[in-house]
Protein backbone atom coordinates (compact mmCIF):
# COMPACT_ATOMS: atom_id res chain seq x y z
CA UNK A 1 8.33 78.57 46.88
CA UNK A 2 12.15 79.69 47.93
CA UNK A 3 13.89 76.55 48.95
CA UNK A 4 14.67 76.60 52.96
CA UNK A 5 18.77 75.64 54.10
CA UNK A 6 19.41 72.68 54.56
CA UNK A 7 19.47 72.86 58.53
CA UNK A 8 16.66 73.54 58.54
CA UNK A 9 14.56 71.06 55.97
CA UNK A 10 15.40 67.53 57.74
CA UNK A 11 13.72 68.71 61.52
CA UNK A 12 11.03 69.95 59.66
CA UNK A 13 11.06 66.11 57.84
CA UNK A 14 11.65 64.45 60.75
CA UNK A 15 8.28 66.08 62.77
CA UNK A 16 6.07 64.71 59.02
CA UNK A 17 8.18 61.30 59.43
CA UNK A 18 7.62 60.64 63.40
CA UNK A 19 3.70 61.82 62.52
CA UNK A 20 3.53 59.26 59.32
CA UNK A 21 4.87 56.90 61.95
CA UNK A 22 2.78 57.12 64.30
CA UNK A 23 -0.50 57.31 62.26
CA UNK A 24 0.82 53.83 60.32
CA UNK A 25 2.30 52.22 64.02
CA UNK A 26 -1.80 51.89 64.75
CA UNK A 27 -2.06 49.47 62.46
CA UNK A 28 0.49 47.41 62.96
CA UNK A 29 0.87 47.64 66.62
CA UNK A 30 -2.66 46.00 66.51
CA UNK A 31 -1.62 43.04 65.24
CA UNK A 32 0.36 41.33 68.44
CA UNK A 33 -2.94 42.00 70.07
CA UNK A 34 -5.58 40.33 68.19
CA UNK A 35 -4.98 37.00 70.58
CA UNK A 36 -5.17 38.79 73.37
CA UNK A 37 -8.60 40.77 71.97
CA UNK A 38 -10.18 37.50 70.79
CA UNK A 39 -9.36 35.49 74.58
CA UNK A 40 -13.12 35.97 76.52
CA UNK A 41 -10.79 36.16 80.21
CA UNK A 42 -7.50 38.03 79.49
CA UNK A 43 -9.63 40.55 76.24
CA UNK A 44 -12.66 41.47 75.24
CA UNK A 45 -13.95 38.59 73.86
CA UNK A 46 -13.94 39.28 70.36
CA UNK A 47 -15.01 37.35 66.84
CA UNK A 48 -13.01 36.89 63.49
CA UNK A 49 -15.25 39.34 62.27
CA UNK A 50 -14.87 41.84 65.18
CA UNK A 51 -11.23 41.40 64.99
CA UNK A 52 -11.44 42.13 61.15
CA UNK A 53 -13.58 45.17 61.44
CA UNK A 54 -11.55 46.26 64.95
CA UNK A 55 -8.46 46.17 61.77
CA UNK A 56 -10.33 47.58 59.28
CA UNK A 57 -12.18 50.49 61.08
CA UNK A 58 -8.99 52.40 60.97
CA UNK A 59 -8.15 51.52 57.68
CA UNK A 60 -11.58 52.43 55.79
CA UNK A 61 -11.99 55.74 57.36
CA UNK A 62 -8.50 56.11 57.22
CA UNK A 63 -8.51 55.46 53.42
CA UNK A 64 -11.47 57.34 52.38
CA UNK A 65 -11.29 60.55 54.61
CA UNK A 66 -7.61 60.87 52.82
CA UNK A 67 -9.41 62.14 49.76
CA UNK A 68 -10.39 65.72 52.35
CA UNK A 69 -7.15 64.90 54.28
CA UNK A 70 -5.30 66.04 51.02
CA UNK A 71 -8.05 68.54 50.38
CA UNK A 72 -7.60 70.69 53.55
CA UNK A 73 -4.13 70.36 53.63
CA UNK A 74 -4.62 72.08 50.18
CA UNK A 75 -7.32 74.82 52.14
CA UNK A 76 -5.66 74.96 55.60
CA UNK A 77 -2.30 74.59 55.01
CA UNK A 78 -0.38 71.22 56.42
CA UNK A 79 0.26 72.04 59.91
CA UNK A 80 -3.10 72.94 61.11
CA UNK A 81 -4.53 69.71 59.11
CA UNK A 82 -1.63 67.47 60.90
CA UNK A 83 -1.87 68.91 63.84
CA UNK A 84 -5.80 68.51 63.57
CA UNK A 85 -4.76 64.67 63.50
CA UNK A 86 -3.03 64.54 65.91
CA UNK A 87 -5.41 66.08 68.49
CA UNK A 88 -8.00 63.91 67.04
CA UNK A 89 -5.74 60.93 66.66
CA UNK A 90 -4.55 61.35 70.58
CA UNK A 91 -7.90 61.82 71.80
CA UNK A 92 -9.76 58.53 70.01
CA UNK A 93 -6.96 56.56 70.95
CA UNK A 94 -7.23 57.85 74.63
CA UNK A 95 -10.70 56.42 74.87
CA UNK A 96 -9.85 53.32 72.94
CA UNK A 97 -7.75 51.56 75.41
CA UNK A 98 -10.60 52.15 78.04
CA UNK A 99 -13.70 50.41 75.40
CA UNK A 100 -15.10 48.19 77.51
CA UNK A 101 -16.75 45.67 74.69
CA UNK A 102 -15.70 45.18 71.09
CA UNK A 103 -18.21 47.92 69.00
CA UNK A 104 -17.07 50.76 71.27
CA UNK A 105 -13.33 49.96 70.16
CA UNK A 106 -14.06 49.48 66.64
CA UNK A 107 -16.02 52.76 67.05
CA UNK A 108 -13.82 54.30 68.49
CA UNK A 109 -10.52 52.75 66.17
CA UNK A 110 -13.08 54.67 63.73
CA UNK A 111 -12.27 57.85 64.85
CA UNK A 112 -8.56 56.95 65.16
CA UNK A 113 -8.85 56.52 61.30
CA UNK A 114 -10.21 59.72 60.92
CA UNK A 115 -7.11 61.24 62.54
CA UNK A 116 -4.57 59.64 60.41
CA UNK A 117 -6.74 60.67 57.51
CA UNK A 118 -5.37 64.31 57.93
CA UNK A 119 -1.86 63.09 59.02
CA UNK A 120 -0.49 61.30 56.44
CA UNK A 121 -1.54 63.81 53.02
CA UNK A 122 -0.12 66.31 55.68
CA UNK A 123 2.91 65.07 55.87
CA UNK A 124 3.62 63.96 52.90
CA UNK A 125 3.18 68.20 51.42
CA UNK A 126 4.94 69.34 54.09
CA UNK A 127 8.28 66.62 52.93
CA UNK A 128 7.46 67.96 49.21
CA UNK A 129 6.64 70.89 49.71
CA UNK A 130 9.60 71.98 52.07
CA UNK A 131 12.59 69.67 50.99
CA UNK A 132 14.94 71.20 48.23
CA UNK A 133 14.69 69.83 44.39
CA UNK A 134 17.79 68.19 45.12
CA UNK A 135 16.98 66.76 48.46
CA UNK A 136 13.55 65.23 47.71
CA UNK A 137 13.78 62.15 46.59
CA UNK A 138 15.98 61.62 49.62
CA UNK A 139 13.45 63.32 51.99
CA UNK A 140 10.47 61.06 50.44
CA UNK A 141 12.47 57.84 51.12
CA UNK A 142 12.99 58.96 54.16
CA UNK A 143 9.07 59.38 54.01
CA UNK A 144 8.30 56.00 52.95
CA UNK A 145 11.09 54.91 55.69
CA UNK A 146 8.54 55.12 58.05
CA UNK A 147 6.78 52.81 57.26
CA UNK A 148 9.74 50.15 57.85
CA UNK A 149 9.48 51.73 62.08
CA UNK A 150 6.11 51.15 62.15
CA UNK A 151 6.83 47.50 61.75
CA UNK A 152 9.30 47.25 63.39
CA UNK A 153 7.79 49.50 67.29
CA UNK A 154 4.45 47.89 65.99
CA UNK A 155 5.25 44.40 67.46
CA UNK A 156 8.21 45.03 69.98
CA UNK A 157 6.38 47.58 71.57
CA UNK A 158 3.10 45.94 71.44
CA UNK A 159 4.33 43.08 73.18
CA UNK A 160 6.49 44.30 75.57
CA UNK A 161 3.16 45.90 77.08
CA UNK A 162 1.04 43.34 76.89
CA UNK A 163 3.96 40.93 78.58
CA UNK A 164 3.50 43.89 81.21
CA UNK A 165 -0.30 45.37 81.55
CA UNK A 166 -3.76 44.75 80.82
CA UNK A 167 -4.37 45.22 75.97
CA UNK A 168 -5.65 48.69 76.33
CA UNK A 169 -1.49 49.81 76.98
CA UNK A 170 -0.58 49.44 72.66
CA UNK A 171 -3.45 52.48 72.59
CA UNK A 172 -2.23 54.21 75.33
CA UNK A 173 1.37 54.76 73.57
CA UNK A 174 0.23 56.90 71.03
CA UNK A 175 -0.40 59.63 73.76
CA UNK A 176 3.34 60.89 73.74
CA UNK A 177 4.64 60.20 70.50
CA UNK A 178 1.38 62.83 69.57
CA UNK A 179 2.40 65.19 72.04
CA UNK A 180 6.09 65.32 70.77
CA UNK A 181 4.56 65.74 67.40
CA UNK A 182 2.46 68.72 68.22
CA UNK A 183 5.51 70.38 69.72
CA UNK A 184 7.82 70.14 66.91
CA UNK A 185 5.46 70.82 64.34
CA UNK A 186 4.01 74.07 66.24
CA UNK A 187 7.83 75.49 66.32
CA UNK A 188 9.26 73.81 63.11
CA UNK A 189 6.87 73.71 60.64
CA UNK A 190 5.69 76.43 58.04
CA UNK A 191 2.25 77.09 57.12
CA UNK A 192 2.61 76.68 53.37
CA UNK A 193 -0.48 76.66 50.64
CA UNK A 194 -2.39 77.60 47.76
CA UNK A 195 -4.31 81.47 47.63
CA UNK A 196 -7.70 79.58 46.14
CA UNK A 197 -10.35 79.08 48.38
CA UNK A 198 -11.59 76.30 46.61
CA UNK A 199 -14.25 74.20 47.80
CA UNK A 200 -14.61 71.04 50.05
CA UNK A 201 -15.32 67.53 48.27
CA UNK A 202 -18.42 66.42 50.96
CA UNK A 203 -19.84 64.56 48.61
CA UNK A 204 -16.95 63.11 47.38
CA UNK A 205 -15.85 62.31 50.58
CA UNK A 206 -19.32 60.98 52.02
CA UNK A 207 -19.48 58.83 49.04
CA UNK A 208 -16.46 57.33 49.01
CA UNK A 209 -16.60 56.40 52.97
CA UNK A 210 -20.30 54.77 52.95
CA UNK A 211 -19.18 52.82 49.46
CA UNK A 212 -15.94 51.31 51.27
CA UNK A 213 -17.96 50.99 54.49
CA UNK A 214 -21.04 48.65 52.44
CA UNK A 215 -17.89 47.13 50.28
CA UNK A 216 -16.34 46.39 52.91
CA UNK A 217 -19.18 44.80 55.59
CA UNK A 218 -20.43 42.30 52.63
CA UNK A 219 -16.79 41.05 52.13
CA UNK A 220 -16.73 40.75 56.24
CA UNK A 221 -20.03 39.20 56.62
CA UNK A 222 -20.18 37.75 53.98
CA UNK A 223 -17.19 35.24 55.12
CA UNK A 224 -18.37 34.67 58.50
CA UNK A 225 -21.82 33.17 57.48
CA UNK A 226 -21.20 29.56 56.24
CA UNK A 227 -21.98 28.29 52.55
CA UNK A 228 -23.47 30.90 49.72
CA UNK A 229 -22.90 34.37 51.28
CA UNK A 230 -27.02 35.51 52.33
CA UNK A 231 -28.81 38.45 50.82
CA UNK A 232 -27.63 41.07 53.03
CA UNK A 233 -23.77 40.94 52.30
CA UNK A 234 -24.11 40.50 48.85
CA UNK A 235 -26.58 43.54 48.86
CA UNK A 236 -24.36 45.57 50.93
CA UNK A 237 -21.23 44.78 48.56
CA UNK A 238 -23.34 45.60 45.52
CA UNK A 239 -24.82 48.99 47.17
CA UNK A 240 -20.61 49.60 47.99
CA UNK A 241 -19.59 49.22 44.41
CA UNK A 242 -22.38 51.00 43.45
CA UNK A 243 -21.60 54.39 45.71
CA UNK A 244 -17.80 54.09 44.02
CA UNK A 245 -19.07 53.95 41.29
CA UNK A 246 -20.95 57.05 41.85
CA UNK A 247 -17.98 58.60 43.47
CA UNK A 248 -15.75 58.24 40.48
CA UNK A 249 -18.50 59.91 38.18
CA UNK A 250 -19.05 62.62 39.70
CA UNK A 251 -15.03 63.88 40.28
CA UNK A 252 -14.52 66.77 38.73
CA UNK A 253 -12.70 66.38 35.54
CA UNK A 254 -11.25 70.27 36.09
CA UNK A 255 -13.96 72.42 33.72
CA UNK A 256 -16.83 73.96 33.39
CA UNK A 257 -18.72 74.08 37.18
CA UNK A 258 -16.34 72.18 38.53
CA UNK A 259 -12.99 74.29 37.92
CA UNK A 260 -11.35 74.62 41.59
CA UNK A 261 -13.67 72.30 43.50
CA UNK A 262 -11.59 70.03 45.79
CA UNK A 263 -12.25 66.44 44.74
CA UNK A 264 -10.39 64.11 43.35
CA UNK A 265 -9.52 65.54 39.77
CA UNK A 266 -9.85 62.55 37.63
CA UNK A 267 -7.78 63.88 35.37
CA UNK A 268 -4.27 63.27 37.27
CA UNK A 269 -5.16 58.92 36.28
CA UNK A 270 -3.92 60.39 32.83
CA UNK A 271 -0.39 60.33 33.98
CA UNK A 272 0.07 56.64 33.04
CA UNK A 273 2.74 56.61 35.90
CA UNK A 274 0.18 57.80 38.68
CA UNK A 275 -2.19 55.58 38.27
CA UNK A 276 0.79 52.51 38.25
CA UNK A 277 1.76 53.40 40.86
CA UNK A 278 -1.07 53.82 42.65
CA UNK A 279 -2.64 50.46 41.60
CA UNK A 280 0.87 48.78 42.64
CA UNK A 281 0.59 50.55 46.14
CA UNK A 282 -2.25 49.13 46.16
CA UNK A 283 -2.47 45.41 46.00
CA UNK A 284 0.84 45.97 47.88
CA UNK A 285 -0.44 46.88 51.13
CA UNK A 286 -3.78 44.71 50.56
CA UNK A 287 -0.94 41.35 50.39
CA UNK A 288 0.79 42.97 53.05
CA UNK A 289 -1.82 43.46 56.03
CA UNK A 290 -3.70 40.18 54.42
CA UNK A 291 -0.55 38.47 55.70
CA UNK A 292 0.54 40.46 59.08
CA UNK A 293 -3.79 39.63 59.75
CA UNK A 294 -2.60 35.79 59.89
CA UNK A 295 0.73 35.91 60.68
CA UNK A 296 0.26 37.14 64.19
CA UNK A 297 -2.46 34.55 64.54
CA UNK A 298 0.64 31.77 63.06
CA UNK A 299 3.45 32.74 65.78
CA UNK A 300 1.01 32.88 68.74
CA UNK A 301 -1.57 30.32 68.73
CA UNK A 302 -0.22 27.07 66.39
CA UNK A 303 3.85 27.96 67.60
CA UNK A 304 2.15 29.38 71.10
CA UNK A 305 5.19 32.54 71.30
CA UNK A 306 4.08 35.23 73.71
CA UNK A 307 3.00 38.43 72.20
CA UNK A 308 6.80 39.61 73.05
CA UNK A 309 8.38 37.05 71.05
CA UNK A 310 5.99 36.56 68.54
CA UNK A 311 6.34 40.75 67.88
CA UNK A 312 10.56 40.46 67.95
CA UNK A 313 10.23 37.58 65.20
CA UNK A 314 7.13 40.22 62.78
CA UNK A 315 9.83 43.11 63.13
CA UNK A 316 12.77 41.34 60.92
CA UNK A 317 10.93 42.88 58.33
CA UNK A 318 11.33 46.19 59.69
CA UNK A 319 15.38 45.58 58.84
CA UNK A 320 14.49 44.08 55.69
CA UNK A 321 12.16 47.48 54.90
CA UNK A 322 15.52 49.40 56.35
CA UNK A 323 17.79 47.46 53.67
CA UNK A 324 15.30 47.96 51.00
CA UNK A 325 14.72 51.91 50.57
CA UNK A 326 18.42 52.17 50.92
CA UNK A 327 18.80 50.10 47.95
CA UNK A 328 16.08 51.18 45.54
CA UNK A 329 17.67 54.67 44.89
CA UNK A 330 20.74 52.56 44.00
CA UNK A 331 18.43 49.67 41.93
CA UNK A 332 16.12 52.78 40.38
CA UNK A 333 19.05 54.17 38.84
CA UNK A 334 20.41 50.78 36.74
CA UNK A 335 16.67 48.91 36.69
CA UNK A 336 14.60 52.63 36.38
CA UNK A 337 12.32 52.95 38.92
CA UNK A 338 9.89 50.49 37.02
CA UNK A 339 11.49 47.63 36.94
CA UNK A 340 13.00 47.49 40.27
CA UNK A 341 8.81 48.17 41.56
CA UNK A 342 8.18 44.57 39.65
CA UNK A 343 11.60 43.43 41.04
CA UNK A 344 9.84 44.21 44.36
CA UNK A 345 6.23 43.36 44.00
CA UNK A 346 7.30 39.51 42.67
CA UNK A 347 9.54 38.41 45.04
CA UNK A 348 7.15 40.30 48.23
CA UNK A 349 4.36 37.82 46.38
CA UNK A 350 6.72 34.84 46.54
CA UNK A 351 7.21 35.88 49.94
CA UNK A 352 3.71 35.76 50.85
CA UNK A 353 2.65 31.90 49.01
CA UNK A 354 5.71 30.66 51.06
CA UNK A 355 3.92 30.58 53.88
CA UNK A 356 1.72 27.02 52.15
CA UNK A 357 5.90 26.07 53.54
CA UNK A 358 5.76 26.48 56.89
CA UNK A 359 3.84 24.74 59.82
CA UNK A 360 4.18 24.09 63.93
CA UNK A 361 7.75 22.56 63.80
CA UNK A 362 9.23 25.14 61.16
CA UNK A 363 11.82 27.12 62.64
CA UNK A 364 11.37 30.36 63.70
CA UNK A 365 14.69 31.62 61.84
CA UNK A 366 13.54 30.71 58.79
CA UNK A 367 10.00 32.58 58.74
CA UNK A 368 12.20 35.64 60.12
CA UNK A 369 14.39 35.42 57.14
CA UNK A 370 11.24 35.07 55.41
CA UNK A 371 9.89 38.74 57.23
CA UNK A 372 13.62 40.24 56.06
CA UNK A 373 13.33 39.18 52.56
CA UNK A 374 9.72 40.44 52.59
CA UNK A 375 10.28 43.35 54.21
CA UNK A 376 13.33 44.20 51.37
CA UNK A 377 11.26 43.49 48.55
CA UNK A 378 8.79 45.99 50.02
CA UNK A 379 11.35 48.96 50.30
CA UNK A 380 12.12 48.43 47.07
CA UNK A 381 8.46 49.04 46.10
CA UNK A 382 7.23 52.04 48.38
CA UNK A 383 9.62 54.50 47.98
CA UNK A 384 10.19 54.67 43.73
CA UNK A 385 6.46 54.59 43.49
CA UNK A 386 6.16 57.24 45.63
CA UNK A 387 8.41 59.02 44.35
CA UNK A 388 7.80 59.28 40.83
CA UNK A 389 4.25 59.17 41.52
CA UNK A 390 4.78 62.27 43.31
CA UNK A 391 7.53 64.17 40.25
CA UNK A 392 4.40 63.03 38.09
CA UNK A 393 2.17 65.89 38.96
CA UNK A 394 2.96 69.75 38.91
CA UNK A 395 2.72 71.49 42.48
CA UNK A 396 -0.91 72.40 42.15
CA UNK A 397 -1.80 68.56 42.42
CA UNK A 398 0.77 68.11 45.82
CA UNK A 399 -2.96 67.97 48.45
CA UNK A 400 -4.65 65.80 46.09
CA UNK A 401 -1.58 63.54 45.11
CA UNK A 402 -0.76 63.07 48.24
CA UNK A 403 -4.20 61.67 49.57
CA UNK A 404 -4.14 59.46 46.56
CA UNK A 405 -0.85 57.77 47.52
CA UNK A 406 -1.69 57.95 50.82
CA UNK A 407 -5.01 56.55 50.27
CA UNK A 408 -3.71 53.56 48.66
CA UNK A 409 -2.13 52.26 51.19
CA UNK A 410 -4.80 51.89 54.01
CA UNK A 411 -7.21 51.35 51.41
CA UNK A 412 -5.01 48.27 50.19
CA UNK A 413 -4.77 47.70 54.12
CA UNK A 414 -8.56 47.10 54.72
CA UNK A 415 -9.46 45.22 50.76
CA UNK A 416 -6.55 42.78 52.06
CA UNK A 417 -7.60 41.89 55.81
CA UNK A 418 -11.44 42.19 54.66
CA UNK A 419 -11.34 39.79 51.93
CA UNK A 420 -7.91 37.71 53.09
CA UNK A 421 -9.64 37.81 56.61
CA UNK A 422 -13.23 35.70 55.43
CA UNK A 423 -10.96 33.83 53.42
CA UNK A 424 -9.23 32.57 55.92
CA UNK A 425 -12.36 32.17 57.94
CA UNK A 426 -14.04 30.77 55.45
CA UNK A 427 -11.73 28.30 55.21
CA UNK A 428 -10.79 26.84 58.89
CA UNK A 429 -14.68 26.73 59.04
CA UNK A 430 -14.57 24.04 56.48
CA UNK A 431 -11.56 22.44 58.01
CA UNK A 432 -12.23 22.18 61.41
CA UNK A 433 -15.89 20.94 61.12
CA UNK A 434 -15.12 17.71 60.57
CA UNK A 435 -13.59 17.31 64.47
CA UNK A 436 -16.59 19.23 65.92
CA UNK A 437 -19.09 16.18 64.90
CA UNK A 438 -19.86 14.81 68.36
CA UNK A 439 -20.66 18.56 69.68
CA UNK A 440 -23.83 19.71 70.64
CA UNK A 441 -24.63 22.36 67.50
CA UNK A 442 -24.52 25.81 70.09
CA UNK A 443 -21.20 24.05 70.88
CA UNK A 444 -20.09 23.37 67.73
CA UNK A 445 -21.21 27.58 66.50
CA UNK A 446 -19.02 28.64 68.56
CA UNK A 447 -15.80 26.40 67.97
CA UNK A 448 -16.43 27.48 64.23
CA UNK A 449 -16.08 31.02 65.24
CA UNK A 450 -12.43 31.35 65.19
CA UNK A 451 -9.07 29.08 66.21
CA UNK A 452 -9.39 30.82 69.37
CA UNK A 453 -12.41 30.02 70.40
CA UNK A 454 -11.99 26.28 69.18
CA UNK A 455 -8.83 26.39 71.50
CA UNK A 456 -10.11 27.78 74.37
CA UNK A 457 -13.28 25.48 73.76
CA UNK A 458 -10.89 22.96 74.15
CA UNK A 459 -9.03 23.87 76.92
CA UNK A 460 -12.08 23.74 79.05
CA UNK A 461 -13.66 20.45 78.44
CA UNK A 462 -9.58 19.50 78.82
CA UNK A 463 -9.70 17.69 75.52
CA UNK A 464 -6.31 18.06 73.43
CA UNK A 465 -7.09 16.51 70.74
CA UNK A 466 -9.63 18.76 69.68
CA UNK A 467 -6.49 21.29 70.21
CA UNK A 468 -4.21 19.53 67.64
CA UNK A 469 -7.50 19.75 64.91
CA UNK A 470 -7.74 23.78 65.44
CA UNK A 471 -3.60 23.89 64.82
CA UNK A 472 -4.26 21.68 61.78
CA UNK A 473 -7.29 23.59 60.68
CA UNK A 474 -5.83 26.65 60.93
CA UNK A 475 -2.21 25.68 59.37
CA UNK A 476 -4.67 24.65 55.96
CA UNK A 477 -6.15 27.66 56.49
CA UNK A 478 -3.29 29.11 56.45
CA UNK A 479 -2.51 27.37 53.20
CA UNK A 480 -5.37 28.51 50.96
CA UNK A 481 -5.51 32.28 52.59
CA UNK A 482 -1.79 32.58 51.53
CA UNK A 483 -1.58 30.82 48.12
CA UNK A 484 -4.82 33.85 46.93
CA UNK A 485 -1.97 36.19 48.40
CA UNK A 486 0.55 35.63 46.66
CA UNK A 487 -1.64 35.57 43.46
CA UNK A 488 -3.42 38.55 43.62
CA UNK A 489 -0.63 40.81 45.12
CA UNK A 490 1.73 39.25 41.57
CA UNK A 491 -1.01 41.24 39.13
CA UNK A 492 0.32 44.56 40.82
CA UNK A 493 3.52 43.78 38.95
CA UNK A 494 1.54 43.78 35.36
CA UNK A 495 0.58 46.74 35.73
CA UNK A 496 3.76 49.04 36.44
CA UNK A 497 4.25 46.94 33.53
CA UNK A 498 2.05 47.95 31.39
CA UNK A 499 1.76 51.77 32.42
CA UNK A 500 4.21 52.89 34.40
CA UNK A 501 6.56 54.20 31.15
CA UNK A 502 7.61 57.18 31.34
CA UNK A 503 5.51 59.89 29.71
CA UNK A 504 5.76 63.67 28.92
CA UNK A 505 5.16 65.76 32.25
CA UNK A 506 1.48 65.86 33.42
CA UNK A 507 1.91 69.73 33.46
CA UNK A 508 1.73 69.89 29.60
CA UNK A 509 -0.87 67.68 29.25
CA UNK A 510 -3.13 69.46 31.46
CA UNK A 511 -3.97 72.93 33.62
CA UNK A 512 -3.54 72.75 36.81
CA UNK A 513 -6.49 73.64 38.97
CA UNK A 514 -8.53 76.00 40.87
CA UNK A 515 -8.10 79.98 40.63
CA UNK A 516 -4.09 80.12 41.47
CA UNK A 517 -1.75 77.88 40.92
CA UNK A 518 1.59 79.41 42.26
CA UNK A 519 1.91 78.21 46.19
CA UNK A 520 1.85 81.32 48.77
CA UNK A 521 4.11 80.41 51.84
CA UNK A 522 4.03 81.78 55.41
CA UNK A 523 5.98 80.79 59.12
CA UNK A 524 3.71 79.46 61.94
């Protein structure tokens, strides 16, 4: 593909980055609304499990659908795929804003995730294919910075809207942004696709979506029950693992009847830089999403901040991500991308664990500073990992590679919220039960559902002692969850150290898939 003039490249990158920001915005903006959605008066009275599903239904479909999104970007072109995703996300957002109950909201969030699954791989393909090699690393770093923009805009915008309007307004914000992206894509973004009309991997998409769905359902429902998980959560989790195993087994290896099939060609994972980067991103966002889930409840529940004030505190992480993205290229030249990423992962893990030092009187300045350090560390990982992962693959794998890279974020986020949210719920239940012994069994069961439910009960009964107990129990649960978050996140550093080593370029070891490997480009 012939490189475009620089003056044309950057407006195209801007459209892709704005669309990617919108896709990520829908995760960050909901965190600030969770406290409101759990309120039976101002929100939907959602339980902890409902709130986990409201977050995870988006990430789940986003992650599983990104495989198909990458395939569609190569088959039909990234511009068409991106515009289809933007349209779907906008329609689903409008429906989500007027959901009558938690079930409707969860369903709408799933359709929003499907739109994001089309947007993210397509935007990375646009950025990769429409920039000259000399500008590509910088363009991908800007694309990766969209996460920082989403972190900055989401909590603040959500806080402003919740202070003035009902909770559904946080979803209506998507409509004008999606319209702007659609106009920009139609005018500025050219079409680019490979000429081979390869078969879409419908079986792989179904297996991966159902596998992740059953696994996440098992984790969330198991964590929502007292004691050892019952047979249904265990069976669901086992079914999910089985389906994911089958998904891996049926993916094409580039030979025989699978040649030209659009799936996740498993040979790309023979490139250590690609596989190591995928694991690192998944574990990073596992910890980041889980931490944001319980941080919102800490700031608004234990600390009593308004949605706007909590959003302003959480937005300091965005400034850190911006600093980290600017610092990452400098450190990568001095330390290599491998050790820059390891540094970022380890520092992030320390910040995840630092929640064990927070209580009801911790200065908010200290919390904001921790979040800024955390954002900086995240920026040190995402940009170099994404750049090196894409550089490790031949051009014919751009769509599939983009899909895997994009999938690491929502899949990690889905598992992070499911696993860490269940740890949080279980630890809270155990800590609050001693304070509920005097209550009737039905009321006691209601109060153990979440810290928000306990606080609502304490206010209705005019029991300030129970309110204090709820805060104390939540802090205990947060400490337990933070410790697990730090340990699991740090495991990503081990994978990067072991696998993220210089290798021969992947095109020298495998043959590009499909009947054609040269890209064709035409203006839209």
